Each structure stands twice: as C-alpha cells, then as structure tokens.
Amino acid sequence: MIITQTPLRISFLGGGTDFPDFYRKYGGYVVTTAIDKYVYCIVKERFDKQIYVNYSVKEIVEKAGDLKHELVREAMKKTGVDGGIEITFLSDIPAAGSGLGSSSSVTVGVLNALYQFRGEAVDAERLAREACEIEIEILGKPIGVQDQYIAAYGGVRTLEFMKSGLVMAEKVEISPQTWDDVQKQMMVFFTGRTRQASSILTEQKNNIEKKNKVLLEMAGQAREAKKLLERGEMAKLGKLMDAGWKLKKTLAAKISDAEIDRIYAAAKRAGAWGGKISGAGGGGFLTLFVPSEKRAAVRRALPGMREMPVGLSRDGSKVIFNIRK
C-alpha cells in the first residue's frame, strides 16, 4: 500500500501569467504557497486484475481507458500501471470548485503514488511537468501551470515561466518570524459557494492578448511580492494583494460579482489590508491579509462565513506510507 500527501495552494500574486499562451510570448511570474490542507491518494494492489477507483463515486472497470475519472485514467496510462489496483482519494476540503488547486493536487498525487507503486521515485519537476501534460496537453483544460508546480514542490515559492516553456521554481527565503507572521495574518474564509472554473478560465484565456498589459503588470506585482516577503513587510504585501485583486477582476467577467465585492469591502472596512478570491474566482475561498489586532473585527464583519484555519506547508507531494509485500 502506498499513500501520498499532496498540498493544496494559495497563490498570492501573478496568477494568470502562468497560462502557456501568455508566458510563451511574454514570460510570467507568480508568488504562491503550499498550505497545510491536503489531498491523499491511497494505492493498493489487488489480487484480481480489475481497477477500482474511489472518490465521490466508485468505479470498477477492467481497463484504465474505461475510467470516467480522466485524471486517474491518464495518470495510469502515463505511468504504465494497467490493472490489479485500487485507488482511493481523501481530501481535507471538498475538492470541486474550491479554488485551491485541488485538481492539480490530485493529478500530482496520483502520479507520485503510481510511480511509487511501480518502485520508481520521481522528482518534483517531473511530477509537475507530467501533471501539466495530462491536464493541459492531453485533456485540454483551460488552466495555467502554477498549481501543478507548487503541489509538487511545496513551500513558499516563486514560479518563473520562461518563453522557452521552462518553469523555474525557487524557494522564497523568509525568516522564521516572517513564516510565522504569514500564518498569523493570513485569514481564509469559505464564500459558501463553489463554481465551475472552466468557463471563467476559458474567458480569461481568450482575453489574454487584449489583457497582456494588465498581465505584465500582475507579473511585476509578483516580483515585488517576493521582495516584501523576504523583508517581512506584511502590511505592504496585503496592500499589494489588494491592488492585484483589482487587476485580476478585469481579466474575465465572472471573477467577481456584487456579492463577492460586498464581502470583500466589508473585510477591508473591518481592517483587512487586502486579499483575493483564490483560483479562478467566482466563489470558493477568500484569502485576506489582516493585522493581528483586526482579526476579531474581520470575523464579525463576515457573519455566517466559515473561517478555515490555514498554515503553510514546507513539503510538496510526498509518500507518507509505503508497505510492499
């Protein structure tokens, strides 16, 4: 039995510049972090040759090509595992529409587990690259590539997307005090609704050329965010995220709406420096940076919204249990 643990993520700044259609022409840059909320993938050998996959439904098939779970289907094809296996997923939060990169964490986690099942240890760069190949090239999803890389690498990182297609993942060197400050001053609330990201992301992808100046400005904000993190300037980081959120809302029509704007404005009036809706927008989780003395006021300003305590995760996808016969 193999169990992998793969983190979800919260992106701070630069999201949208990780679309291949953009960065292969202009280059891109993101500052993001893995968080201590995880997707677990359990892989168990079966005596028979069937394939069992357990998630929100249970699939039992003879061949990988018959699986409806397209991420598992393509991961099995890529790793060469063709049967006699049971795969189960567990998640710390509901996966669909959360905006925390769960689908990419699933892809990275199942690839890691399946390679380990075959007795092969694969590094983070390969896991991320192959997850991108599955989601973007094979399945044609209208997404960027940051989620796969942070899920594989973990930590607080910059991701630089080169025109050549190369992705450079670098750890942001922050002090233990800043690491603690980020965790204390980052508040995450569930908006009460999930959404299908594909329609928002498709519009965003189609708007890339006419929004290229906005995206270049967002990449510049991400570079500034790296410096602020290194210096431990949380207030300035929160205010920069506020500016980034204003730019992000211009990329597609449904990234925000009147209700999200109302919630965000209430949080700012209560003392939040700034924040954003994670992922594509339109719902999921709201991330805020809040001075410690204003946390209680922000909670009162968002009645009925469930707060999710969040810490940072130093590790990317890893094997936490491995027993072989």
C-alpha atoms as a PDB file:
ATOM      1  CA  MET A   1       0.000   0.000   0.000  1.00  0.00           C
ATOM      2  CA  ILE A   2       1.204   3.488  -0.938  1.00  0.00           C
ATOM      3  CA  ILE A   3      -0.208   6.749   0.472  1.00  0.00           C
ATOM      4  CA  THR A   4       0.815  10.132  -0.885  1.00  0.00           C
ATOM      5  CA  GLN A   5       0.066  13.501   0.711  1.00  0.00           C
ATOM      6  CA  THR A   6      -0.109  16.450  -1.696  1.00  0.00           C
ATOM      7  CA  PRO A   7      -0.739  20.051  -0.567  1.00  0.00           C
ATOM      8  CA  LEU A   8      -3.319  22.470  -1.837  1.00  0.00           C
ATOM      9  CA  ARG A   9      -2.202  26.037  -2.500  1.00  0.00           C
ATOM     10  CA  ILE A  10      -2.975  29.709  -2.138  1.00  0.00           C
ATOM     11  CA  SER A  11      -1.487  31.955  -4.793  1.00  0.00           C
ATOM     12  CA  PHE A  12      -0.569  35.457  -3.657  1.00  0.00           C
ATOM     13  CA  LEU A  13       0.178  37.405  -6.835  1.00  0.00           C
ATOM     14  CA  GLY A  14       0.828  36.870 -10.546  1.00  0.00           C
ATOM     15  CA  GLY A  15      -1.960  34.370 -11.211  1.00  0.00           C
ATOM     16  CA  GLY A  16      -2.986  34.410 -14.861  1.00  0.00           C
ATOM     17  CA  THR A  17       0.577  34.891 -16.101  1.00  0.00           C
ATOM     18  CA  ASP A  18       1.017  31.107 -15.893  1.00  0.00           C
ATOM     19  CA  PHE A  19      -1.110  30.400 -18.973  1.00  0.00           C
ATOM     20  CA  PRO A  20       1.162  28.951 -21.686  1.00  0.00           C
ATOM     21  CA  ASP A  21      -0.496  31.194 -24.278  1.00  0.00           C
ATOM     22  CA  PHE A  22       0.769  34.195 -22.279  1.00  0.00           C
ATOM     23  CA  TYR A  23       4.137  33.236 -20.869  1.00  0.00           C
ATOM     24  CA  ARG A  24       5.477  31.624 -24.039  1.00  0.00           C
ATOM     25  CA  LYS A  25       5.186  35.100 -25.597  1.00  0.00           C
ATOM     26  CA  TYR A  26       5.812  37.448 -22.672  1.00  0.00           C
ATOM     27  CA  GLY A  27       7.132  35.369 -19.767  1.00  0.00           C
ATOM     28  CA  GLY A  28       5.276  35.076 -16.448  1.00  0.00           C
ATOM     29  CA  TYR A  29       5.863  35.179 -12.696  1.00  0.00           C
ATOM     30  CA  VAL A  30       3.860  34.003  -9.664  1.00  0.00           C
ATOM     31  CA  VAL A  31       4.358  34.037  -5.892  1.00  0.00           C
ATOM     32  CA  THR A  32       2.452  31.195  -4.266  1.00  0.00           C
ATOM     33  CA  THR A  33       2.468  28.872  -1.269  1.00  0.00           C
ATOM     34  CA  ALA A  34       1.500  25.339  -0.413  1.00  0.00           C
ATOM     35  CA  ILE A  35      -0.855  25.162   2.572  1.00  0.00           C
ATOM     36  CA  ASP A  36      -1.448  22.564   5.264  1.00  0.00           C
ATOM     37  CA  LYS A  37      -4.590  21.214   3.605  1.00  0.00           C
ATOM     38  CA  TYR A  38      -4.012  18.084   1.594  1.00  0.00           C
ATOM     39  CA  VAL A  39      -5.237  15.574  -0.944  1.00  0.00           C
ATOM     40  CA  TYR A  40      -4.399  11.986  -0.001  1.00  0.00           C
ATOM     41  CA  CYS A  41      -4.068   9.256  -2.617  1.00  0.00           C
ATOM     42  CA  ILE A  42      -4.085   5.632  -1.461  1.00  0.00           C
ATOM     43  CA  VAL A  43      -2.945   2.937  -3.886  1.00  0.00           C
ATOM     44  CA  LYS A  44      -3.394  -0.742  -3.021  1.00  0.00           C
ATOM     45  CA  GLU A  45      -2.565  -3.794  -5.095  1.00  0.00           C
ATOM     46  CA  ARG A  46      -5.498  -6.099  -5.862  1.00  0.00           C
ATOM     47  CA  PHE A  47      -5.422  -9.880  -6.203  1.00  0.00           C
ATOM     48  CA  ASP A  48      -7.556  -9.719  -9.329  1.00  0.00           C
ATOM     49  CA  LYS A  49      -6.792  -7.604 -12.416  1.00  0.00           C
ATOM     50  CA  GLN A  50      -9.622  -5.126 -12.012  1.00  0.00           C
ATOM     51  CA  ILE A  51      -9.290  -1.401 -11.395  1.00  0.00           C
ATOM     52  CA  TYR A  52     -11.198   0.186  -8.505  1.00  0.00           C
ATOM     53  CA  VAL A  53     -11.225   3.981  -8.111  1.00  0.00           C
ATOM     54  CA  ASN A  54     -12.958   5.548  -5.107  1.00  0.00           C
ATOM     55  CA  TYR A  55     -13.742   9.266  -4.937  1.00  0.00           C
ATOM     56  CA  SER A  56     -17.206  10.866  -4.801  1.00  0.00           C
ATOM     57  CA  VAL A  57     -18.327   7.778  -6.736  1.00  0.00           C
ATOM     58  CA  LYS A  58     -16.913   4.279  -7.027  1.00  0.00           C
ATOM     59  CA  GLU A  59     -15.693   2.998 -10.381  1.00  0.00           C
ATOM     60  CA  ILE A  60     -14.911  -0.638 -11.153  1.00  0.00           C
ATOM     61  CA  VAL A  61     -13.508  -1.299 -14.629  1.00  0.00           C
ATOM     62  CA  GLU A  62     -11.388  -3.836 -16.480  1.00  0.00           C
ATOM     63  CA  LYS A  63      -9.235  -1.330 -18.393  1.00  0.00           C
ATOM     64  CA  ALA A  64      -7.816   2.081 -17.488  1.00  0.00           C
ATOM     65  CA  GLY A  65      -9.222   3.512 -20.710  1.00  0.00           C
ATOM     66  CA  ASP A  66     -12.748   2.852 -19.422  1.00  0.00           C
ATOM     67  CA  LEU A  67     -12.339   5.108 -16.358  1.00  0.00           C
ATOM     68  CA  LYS A  68     -14.532   8.206 -16.159  1.00  0.00           C
ATOM     69  CA  HIS A  69     -12.064   9.856 -13.758  1.00  0.00           C
ATOM     70  CA  GLU A  70      -9.969  11.371 -16.505  1.00  0.00           C
ATOM     71  CA  LEU A  71      -7.043  12.421 -14.292  1.00  0.00           C
ATOM     72  CA  VAL A  72      -6.599   8.872 -12.958  1.00  0.00           C
ATOM     73  CA  ARG A  73      -7.116   7.385 -16.417  1.00  0.00           C
ATOM     74  CA  GLU A  74      -4.358   9.482 -17.957  1.00  0.00           C
ATOM     75  CA  ALA A  75      -2.027   9.065 -14.962  1.00  0.00           C
ATOM     76  CA  MET A  76      -2.334   5.288 -15.258  1.00  0.00           C
ATOM     77  CA  LYS A  77      -1.534   5.476 -18.949  1.00  0.00           C
ATOM     78  CA  LYS A  78       1.479   7.712 -18.346  1.00  0.00           C
ATOM     79  CA  THR A  79       2.923   5.565 -15.547  1.00  0.00           C
ATOM     80  CA  GLY A  80       2.208   2.256 -17.262  1.00  0.00           C
ATOM     81  CA  VAL A  81       0.053   0.826 -14.459  1.00  0.00           C
ATOM     82  CA  ASP A  82      -2.663  -1.104 -16.281  1.00  0.00           C
ATOM     83  CA  GLY A  83      -4.638  -3.098 -13.717  1.00  0.00           C
ATOM     84  CA  GLY A  84      -4.809  -5.032 -10.467  1.00  0.00           C
ATOM     85  CA  ILE A  85      -5.046  -1.857  -8.407  1.00  0.00           C
ATOM     86  CA  GLU A  86      -7.383   0.102  -6.130  1.00  0.00           C
ATOM     87  CA  ILE A  87      -7.030   3.893  -5.892  1.00  0.00           C
ATOM     88  CA  THR A  88      -8.776   5.966  -3.226  1.00  0.00           C
ATOM     89  CA  PHE A  89      -8.808   9.734  -2.707  1.00  0.00           C
ATOM     90  CA  LEU A  90      -9.401  11.658   0.509  1.00  0.00           C
ATOM     91  CA  SER A  91      -9.266  15.443   0.845  1.00  0.00           C
ATOM     92  CA  ASP A  92      -9.153  17.882   3.743  1.00  0.00           C
ATOM     93  CA  ILE A  93     -11.687  20.094   1.958  1.00  0.00           C
ATOM     94  CA  PRO A  94     -14.340  19.455  -0.724  1.00  0.00           C
ATOM     95  CA  ALA A  95     -12.373  19.283  -3.956  1.00  0.00           C
ATOM     96  CA  ALA A  96     -14.748  20.633  -6.579  1.00  0.00           C
ATOM     97  CA  GLY A  97     -14.678  24.368  -7.194  1.00  0.00           C
ATOM     98  CA  SER A  98     -12.638  25.343  -4.135  1.00  0.00           C
ATOM     99  CA  GLY A  99     -10.103  27.483  -5.972  1.00  0.00           C
ATOM    100  CA  LEU A 100      -7.227  25.931  -4.023  1.00  0.00           C
ATOM    101  CA  GLY A 101      -5.765  23.923  -6.901  1.00  0.00           C
ATOM    102  CA  SER A 102      -7.298  20.607  -5.897  1.00  0.00           C
ATOM    103  CA  SER A 103      -7.482  19.036  -9.363  1.00  0.00           C
ATOM    104  CA  SER A 104      -3.761  19.588  -9.903  1.00  0.00           C
ATOM    105  CA  SER A 105      -3.010  18.221  -6.434  1.00  0.00           C
ATOM    106  CA  VAL A 106      -4.995  15.125  -7.364  1.00  0.00           C
ATOM    107  CA  THR A 107      -3.010  14.736 -10.582  1.00  0.00           C
ATOM    108  CA  VAL A 108       0.381  15.232  -8.937  1.00  0.00           C
ATOM    109  CA  GLY A 109      -0.564  12.983  -6.007  1.00  0.00           C
ATOM    110  CA  VAL A 110      -1.811  10.076  -8.102  1.00  0.00           C
ATOM    111  CA  LEU A 111       1.221  10.269 -10.410  1.00  0.00           C
ATOM    112  CA  ASN A 112       3.504  10.156  -7.367  1.00  0.00           C
ATOM    113  CA  ALA A 113       1.603   7.202  -5.888  1.00  0.00           C
ATOM    114  CA  LEU A 114       1.523   5.236  -9.135  1.00  0.00           C
ATOM    115  CA  TYR A 115       5.232   5.719  -9.782  1.00  0.00           C
ATOM    116  CA  GLN A 116       5.965   4.603  -6.203  1.00  0.00           C
ATOM    117  CA  PHE A 117       3.670   1.611  -6.783  1.00  0.00           C
ATOM    118  CA  ARG A 118       5.967   0.661  -9.639  1.00  0.00           C
ATOM    119  CA  GLY A 119       9.002   1.130  -7.393  1.00  0.00           C
ATOM    120  CA  GLU A 120      10.152   4.349  -9.039  1.00  0.00           C
ATOM    121  CA  ALA A 121      10.900   7.608  -7.176  1.00  0.00           C
ATOM    122  CA  VAL A 122      10.180  10.646  -9.339  1.00  0.00           C
ATOM    123  CA  ASP A 123      11.391  14.179  -8.579  1.00  0.00           C
ATOM    124  CA  ALA A 124       9.139  17.221  -8.183  1.00  0.00           C
ATOM    125  CA  GLU A 125       9.979  18.731 -11.573  1.00  0.00           C
ATOM    126  CA  ARG A 126       8.905  15.592 -13.424  1.00  0.00           C
ATOM    127  CA  LEU A 127       5.715  15.225 -11.384  1.00  0.00           C
ATOM    128  CA  ALA A 128       4.764  18.836 -12.131  1.00  0.00           C
ATOM    129  CA  ARG A 129       5.663  18.639 -15.814  1.00  0.00           C
ATOM    130  CA  GLU A 130       3.749  15.404 -16.380  1.00  0.00           C
ATOM    131  CA  ALA A 131       0.725  16.712 -14.460  1.00  0.00           C
ATOM    132  CA  CYS A 132       0.721  19.734 -16.809  1.00  0.00           C
ATOM    133  CA  GLU A 133       0.944  17.428 -19.809  1.00  0.00           C
ATOM    134  CA  ILE A 134      -2.083  15.470 -18.594  1.00  0.00           C
ATOM    135  CA  GLU A 135      -4.270  18.435 -17.671  1.00  0.00           C
ATOM    136  CA  ILE A 136      -3.366  20.891 -20.433  1.00  0.00           C
ATOM    137  CA  GLU A 137      -1.968  18.978 -23.401  1.00  0.00           C
ATOM    138  CA  ILE A 138      -3.933  15.709 -23.199  1.00  0.00           C
ATOM    139  CA  LEU A 139      -7.218  16.824 -21.603  1.00  0.00           C
ATOM    140  CA  GLY A 140      -7.178  20.366 -22.980  1.00  0.00           C
ATOM    141  CA  LYS A 141      -8.163  22.104 -19.756  1.00  0.00           C
ATOM    142  CA  PRO A 142      -8.058  25.947 -19.960  1.00  0.00           C
ATOM    143  CA  ILE A 143      -5.713  26.319 -16.996  1.00  0.00           C
ATOM    144  CA  GLY A 144      -2.245  27.556 -16.141  1.00  0.00           C
ATOM    145  CA  VAL A 145       0.697  25.608 -14.798  1.00  0.00           C
ATOM    146  CA  GLN A 146       1.333  27.116 -11.350  1.00  0.00           C
ATOM    147  CA  ASP A 147      -0.866  24.678  -9.392  1.00  0.00           C
ATOM    148  CA  GLN A 148       0.969  21.575 -10.568  1.00  0.00           C
ATOM    149  CA  TYR A 149       4.369  23.025  -9.685  1.00  0.00           C
ATOM    150  CA  ILE A 150       3.525  24.251  -6.189  1.00  0.00           C
ATOM    151  CA  ALA A 151       1.752  20.942  -5.429  1.00  0.00           C
ATOM    152  CA  ALA A 152       4.898  19.071  -6.418  1.00  0.00           C
ATOM    153  CA  TYR A 153       7.470  21.380  -4.799  1.00  0.00           C
ATOM    154  CA  GLY A 154       5.678  22.789  -1.728  1.00  0.00           C
ATOM    155  CA  GLY A 155       6.831  25.707   0.419  1.00  0.00           C
ATOM    156  CA  VAL A 156       6.569  29.414  -0.337  1.00  0.00           C
ATOM    157  CA  ARG A 157       7.897  29.818  -3.857  1.00  0.00           C
ATOM    158  CA  THR A 158       8.288  31.993  -6.874  1.00  0.00           C
ATOM    159  CA  LEU A 159       7.484  30.329 -10.171  1.00  0.00           C
ATOM    160  CA  GLU A 160       9.002  31.982 -13.213  1.00  0.00           C
ATOM    161  CA  PHE A 161       7.572  30.911 -16.548  1.00  0.00           C
ATOM    162  CA  MET A 162      10.070  31.329 -19.354  1.00  0.00           C
ATOM    163  CA  LYS A 163       9.280  31.996 -23.013  1.00  0.00           C
ATOM    164  CA  SER A 164      11.070  28.718 -23.776  1.00  0.00           C
ATOM    165  CA  GLY A 165       8.461  26.846 -21.749  1.00  0.00           C
ATOM    166  CA  LEU A 166      10.847  26.169 -18.853  1.00  0.00           C
ATOM    167  CA  VAL A 167       9.443  26.721 -15.352  1.00  0.00           C
ATOM    168  CA  MET A 168      11.852  27.877 -12.649  1.00  0.00           C
ATOM    169  CA  ALA A 169      10.646  27.063  -9.109  1.00  0.00           C
ATOM    170  CA  GLU A 170      12.598  28.898  -6.400  1.00  0.00           C
ATOM    171  CA  LYS A 171      12.054  28.929  -2.649  1.00  0.00           C
ATOM    172  CA  VAL A 172      11.424  32.376  -1.176  1.00  0.00           C
ATOM    173  CA  GLU A 173      13.985  32.849   1.584  1.00  0.00           C
ATOM    174  CA  ILE A 174      11.949  34.127   4.511  1.00  0.00           C
ATOM    175  CA  SER A 175      12.859  34.247   8.181  1.00  0.00           C
ATOM    176  CA  PRO A 176      11.152  32.023  10.785  1.00  0.00           C
ATOM    177  CA  GLN A 177       9.459  35.182  12.112  1.00  0.00           C
ATOM    178  CA  THR A 178       8.037  36.031   8.682  1.00  0.00           C
ATOM    179  CA  TRP A 179       6.898  32.435   8.208  1.00  0.00           C
ATOM    180  CA  ASP A 180       5.004  32.787  11.487  1.00  0.00           C
ATOM    181  CA  ASP A 181       3.656  36.228  10.543  1.00  0.00           C
ATOM    182  CA  VAL A 182       2.255  34.962   7.241  1.00  0.00           C
ATOM    183  CA  GLN A 183       0.393  32.196   9.049  1.00  0.00           C
ATOM    184  CA  LYS A 184      -0.928  34.553  11.748  1.00  0.00           C
ATOM    185  CA  GLN A 185      -2.004  37.345   9.423  1.00  0.00           C
ATOM    186  CA  MET A 186      -3.493  35.260   6.616  1.00  0.00           C
ATOM    187  CA  MET A 187      -7.203  34.563   7.116  1.00  0.00           C
ATOM    188  CA  VAL A 188      -9.178  32.288   4.798  1.00  0.00           C
ATOM    189  CA  PHE A 189     -12.979  32.200   4.590  1.00  0.00           C
ATOM    190  CA  PHE A 190     -15.290  29.973   2.568  1.00  0.00           C
ATOM    191  CA  THR A 191     -17.635  32.103   0.489  1.00  0.00           C
ATOM    192  CA  GLY A 192     -20.379  29.498   0.806  1.00  0.00           C
ATOM    193  CA  ARG A 193     -20.374  28.538  -2.832  1.00  0.00           C
ATOM    194  CA  THR A 194     -18.262  26.625  -5.290  1.00  0.00           C
ATOM    195  CA  ARG A 195     -18.103  27.181  -9.024  1.00  0.00           C
ATOM    196  CA  GLN A 196     -17.093  25.581 -12.294  1.00  0.00           C
ATOM    197  CA  ALA A 197     -13.785  27.267 -13.056  1.00  0.00           C
ATOM    198  CA  SER A 198     -13.651  26.214 -16.707  1.00  0.00           C
ATOM    199  CA  SER A 199     -15.983  28.911 -18.062  1.00  0.00           C
ATOM    200  CA  ILE A 200     -14.165  31.698 -16.179  1.00  0.00           C
ATOM    201  CA  LEU A 201     -10.752  30.368 -17.201  1.00  0.00           C
ATOM    202  CA  THR A 202     -11.805  29.929 -20.827  1.00  0.00           C
ATOM    203  CA  GLU A 203     -12.863  33.587 -20.993  1.00  0.00           C
ATOM    204  CA  GLN A 204      -9.648  34.615 -19.252  1.00  0.00           C
ATOM    205  CA  LYS A 205      -7.603  32.535 -21.713  1.00  0.00           C
ATOM    206  CA  ASN A 206      -9.440  34.059 -24.676  1.00  0.00           C
ATOM    207  CA  ASN A 207      -8.774  37.571 -23.307  1.00  0.00           C
ATOM    208  CA  ILE A 208      -5.003  37.092 -22.934  1.00  0.00           C
ATOM    209  CA  GLU A 209      -3.927  39.138 -25.926  1.00  0.00           C
ATOM    210  CA  LYS A 210      -6.089  42.158 -25.153  1.00  0.00           C
ATOM    211  CA  LYS A 211      -5.187  41.957 -21.456  1.00  0.00           C
ATOM    212  CA  ASN A 212      -1.439  41.445 -21.927  1.00  0.00           C
ATOM    213  CA  LYS A 213      -0.532  44.828 -20.364  1.00  0.00           C
ATOM    214  CA  VAL A 214      -2.588  44.005 -17.274  1.00  0.00           C
ATOM    215  CA  LEU A 215      -0.944  40.587 -17.021  1.00  0.00           C
ATOM    216  CA  LEU A 216       2.526  42.088 -17.354  1.00  0.00           C
ATOM    217  CA  GLU A 217       1.684  44.472 -14.509  1.00  0.00           C
ATOM    218  CA  MET A 218       0.499  41.497 -12.423  1.00  0.00           C
ATOM    219  CA  ALA A 219       3.802  39.706 -13.068  1.00  0.00           C
ATOM    220  CA  GLY A 220       5.590  42.841 -11.845  1.00  0.00           C
ATOM    221  CA  GLN A 221       3.467  42.807  -8.683  1.00  0.00           C
ATOM    222  CA  ALA A 222       4.533  39.208  -8.047  1.00  0.00           C
ATOM    223  CA  ARG A 223       8.200  40.206  -8.302  1.00  0.00           C
ATOM    224  CA  GLU A 224       7.577  42.969  -5.770  1.00  0.00           C
ATOM    225  CA  ALA A 225       5.739  40.498  -3.510  1.00  0.00           C
ATOM    226  CA  LYS A 226       8.841  38.301  -3.365  1.00  0.00           C
ATOM    227  CA  LYS A 227      10.864  41.256  -2.036  1.00  0.00           C
ATOM    228  CA  LEU A 228       8.184  42.108   0.529  1.00  0.00           C
ATOM    229  CA  LEU A 229       8.113  38.528   1.804  1.00  0.00           C
ATOM    230  CA  GLU A 230      11.901  38.462   2.086  1.00  0.00           C
ATOM    231  CA  ARG A 231      11.765  41.690   4.115  1.00  0.00           C
ATOM    232  CA  GLY A 232       8.780  40.531   6.172  1.00  0.00           C
ATOM    233  CA  GLU A 233       6.632  43.525   5.217  1.00  0.00           C
ATOM    234  CA  MET A 234       3.181  42.028   5.700  1.00  0.00           C
ATOM    235  CA  ALA A 235       1.173  45.242   5.570  1.00  0.00           C
ATOM    236  CA  LYS A 236       2.676  46.193   2.223  1.00  0.00           C
ATOM    237  CA  LEU A 237       2.110  42.652   0.942  1.00  0.00           C
ATOM    238  CA  GLY A 238      -1.558  42.804   1.920  1.00  0.00           C
ATOM    239  CA  LYS A 239      -2.000  46.175   0.209  1.00  0.00           C
ATOM    240  CA  LEU A 240      -0.228  44.858  -2.889  1.00  0.00           C
ATOM    241  CA  MET A 241      -2.662  41.923  -2.945  1.00  0.00           C
ATOM    242  CA  ASP A 242      -5.492  44.450  -2.856  1.00  0.00           C
ATOM    243  CA  ALA A 243      -4.050  46.119  -5.959  1.00  0.00           C
ATOM    244  CA  GLY A 244      -3.572  42.703  -7.563  1.00  0.00           C
ATOM    245  CA  TRP A 245      -7.183  41.742  -6.889  1.00  0.00           C
ATOM    246  CA  LYS A 246      -8.383  44.910  -8.632  1.00  0.00           C
ATOM    247  CA  LEU A 247      -6.363  43.968 -11.704  1.00  0.00           C
ATOM    248  CA  LYS A 248      -7.420  40.315 -11.605  1.00  0.00           C
ATOM    249  CA  LYS A 249     -11.100  41.280 -11.669  1.00  0.00           C
ATOM    250  CA  THR A 250     -10.591  42.875 -15.095  1.00  0.00           C
ATOM    251  CA  LEU A 251      -9.416  39.624 -16.714  1.00  0.00           C
ATOM    252  CA  ALA A 252     -12.869  37.988 -17.017  1.00  0.00           C
ATOM    253  CA  ALA A 253     -16.461  38.964 -16.264  1.00  0.00           C
ATOM    254  CA  LYS A 254     -17.288  36.367 -13.604  1.00  0.00           C
ATOM    255  CA  ILE A 255     -14.130  36.528 -11.482  1.00  0.00           C
ATOM    256  CA  SER A 256     -16.125  38.682  -9.066  1.00  0.00           C
ATOM    257  CA  ASP A 257     -19.722  39.819  -8.644  1.00  0.00           C
ATOM    258  CA  ALA A 258     -21.772  42.132  -6.428  1.00  0.00           C
ATOM    259  CA  GLU A 259     -21.886  39.671  -3.523  1.00  0.00           C
ATOM    260  CA  ILE A 260     -18.142  38.965  -3.557  1.00  0.00           C
ATOM    261  CA  ASP A 261     -17.435  42.697  -3.835  1.00  0.00           C
ATOM    262  CA  ARG A 262     -19.718  43.303  -0.832  1.00  0.00           C
ATOM    263  CA  ILE A 263     -17.940  40.679   1.277  1.00  0.00           C
ATOM    264  CA  TYR A 264     -14.504  41.966   0.310  1.00  0.00           C
ATOM    265  CA  ALA A 265     -15.443  45.586   1.038  1.00  0.00           C
ATOM    266  CA  ALA A 266     -16.777  44.596   4.468  1.00  0.00           C
ATOM    267  CA  ALA A 267     -13.496  42.849   5.292  1.00  0.00           C
ATOM    268  CA  LYS A 268     -11.483  45.906   4.268  1.00  0.00           C
ATOM    269  CA  ARG A 269     -13.668  48.240   6.313  1.00  0.00           C
ATOM    270  CA  ALA A 270     -13.030  45.980   9.298  1.00  0.00           C
ATOM    271  CA  GLY A 271      -9.281  46.369   8.883  1.00  0.00           C
ATOM    272  CA  ALA A 272      -8.018  43.849   6.304  1.00  0.00           C
ATOM    273  CA  TRP A 273      -5.098  45.174   4.264  1.00  0.00           C
ATOM    274  CA  GLY A 274      -6.205  43.276   1.168  1.00  0.00           C
ATOM    275  CA  GLY A 275      -6.763  39.862  -0.332  1.00  0.00           C
ATOM    276  CA  LYS A 276      -8.365  37.963  -3.186  1.00  0.00           C
ATOM    277  CA  ILE A 277     -10.625  35.120  -4.176  1.00  0.00           C
ATOM    278  CA  SER A 278      -8.352  32.128  -4.706  1.00  0.00           C
ATOM    279  CA  GLY A 279      -8.125  30.372  -8.036  1.00  0.00           C
ATOM    280  CA  ALA A 280     -10.311  31.370 -10.971  1.00  0.00           C
ATOM    281  CA  GLY A 281     -12.616  33.486  -8.811  1.00  0.00           C
ATOM    282  CA  GLY A 282     -16.393  33.418  -8.736  1.00  0.00           C
ATOM    283  CA  GLY A 283     -16.562  31.582  -5.404  1.00  0.00           C
ATOM    284  CA  GLY A 284     -14.536  29.159  -3.322  1.00  0.00           C
ATOM    285  CA  PHE A 285     -12.247  30.685  -0.696  1.00  0.00           C
ATOM    286  CA  LEU A 286     -11.466  34.307   0.144  1.00  0.00           C
ATOM    287  CA  THR A 287      -7.903  34.907   1.364  1.00  0.00           C
ATOM    288  CA  LEU A 288      -7.221  38.060   3.369  1.00  0.00           C
ATOM    289  CA  PHE A 289      -4.153  39.585   4.998  1.00  0.00           C
ATOM    290  CA  VAL A 290      -5.193  41.136   8.296  1.00  0.00           C
ATOM    291  CA  PRO A 291      -3.227  42.823  11.105  1.00  0.00           C
ATOM    292  CA  SER A 292      -3.413  40.737  14.273  1.00  0.00           C
ATOM    293  CA  GLU A 293      -5.421  43.318  16.205  1.00  0.00           C
ATOM    294  CA  LYS A 294      -8.106  43.413  13.472  1.00  0.00           C
ATOM    295  CA  ARG A 295      -8.751  39.680  13.127  1.00  0.00           C
ATOM    296  CA  ALA A 296     -11.723  39.667  15.512  1.00  0.00           C
ATOM    297  CA  ALA A 297     -13.271  42.667  13.736  1.00  0.00           C
ATOM    298  CA  VAL A 298     -12.935  40.941  10.351  1.00  0.00           C
ATOM    299  CA  ARG A 299     -14.640  37.836  11.710  1.00  0.00           C
ATOM    300  CA  ARG A 300     -17.519  39.977  12.969  1.00  0.00           C
ATOM    301  CA  ALA A 301     -17.749  41.699   9.574  1.00  0.00           C
ATOM    302  CA  LEU A 302     -18.216  38.362   7.802  1.00  0.00           C
ATOM    303  CA  PRO A 303     -21.032  36.712   9.787  1.00  0.00           C
ATOM    304  CA  GLY A 304     -22.049  33.283   8.615  1.00  0.00           C
ATOM    305  CA  MET A 305     -18.863  32.757   6.606  1.00  0.00           C
ATOM    306  CA  ARG A 306     -16.886  29.764   7.787  1.00  0.00           C
ATOM    307  CA  GLU A 307     -13.245  30.508   8.549  1.00  0.00           C
ATOM    308  CA  MET A 308     -10.703  27.852   7.629  1.00  0.00           C
ATOM    309  CA  PRO A 309      -7.571  27.904   9.804  1.00  0.00           C
ATOM    310  CA  VAL A 310      -4.613  27.676   7.446  1.00  0.00           C
ATOM    311  CA  GLY A 311      -0.889  27.172   7.900  1.00  0.00           C
ATOM    312  CA  LEU A 312       1.896  26.863   5.371  1.00  0.00           C
ATOM    313  CA  SER A 313       3.328  23.566   4.162  1.00  0.00           C
ATOM    314  CA  ARG A 314       7.064  23.200   3.626  1.00  0.00           C
ATOM    315  CA  ASP A 315       6.748  19.982   1.618  1.00  0.00           C
ATOM    316  CA  GLY A 316       5.282  19.194  -1.750  1.00  0.00           C
ATOM    317  CA  SER A 317       3.782  15.850  -2.726  1.00  0.00           C
ATOM    318  CA  LYS A 318       5.388  13.078  -0.690  1.00  0.00           C
ATOM    319  CA  VAL A 319       4.924   9.447   0.260  1.00  0.00           C
ATOM    320  CA  ILE A 320       3.790   9.161   3.869  1.00  0.00           C
ATOM    321  CA  PHE A 321       3.145   5.394   3.908  1.00  0.00           C
ATOM    322  CA  ASN A 322       4.797   2.647   1.879  1.00  0.00           C
ATOM    323  CA  ILE A 323       4.475  -1.049   2.626  1.00  0.00           C
ATOM    324  CA  ARG A 324       5.405  -3.570  -0.013  1.00  0.00           C
ATOM    325  CA  LYS A 325       4.920  -7.305   0.113  1.00  0.00           C
END
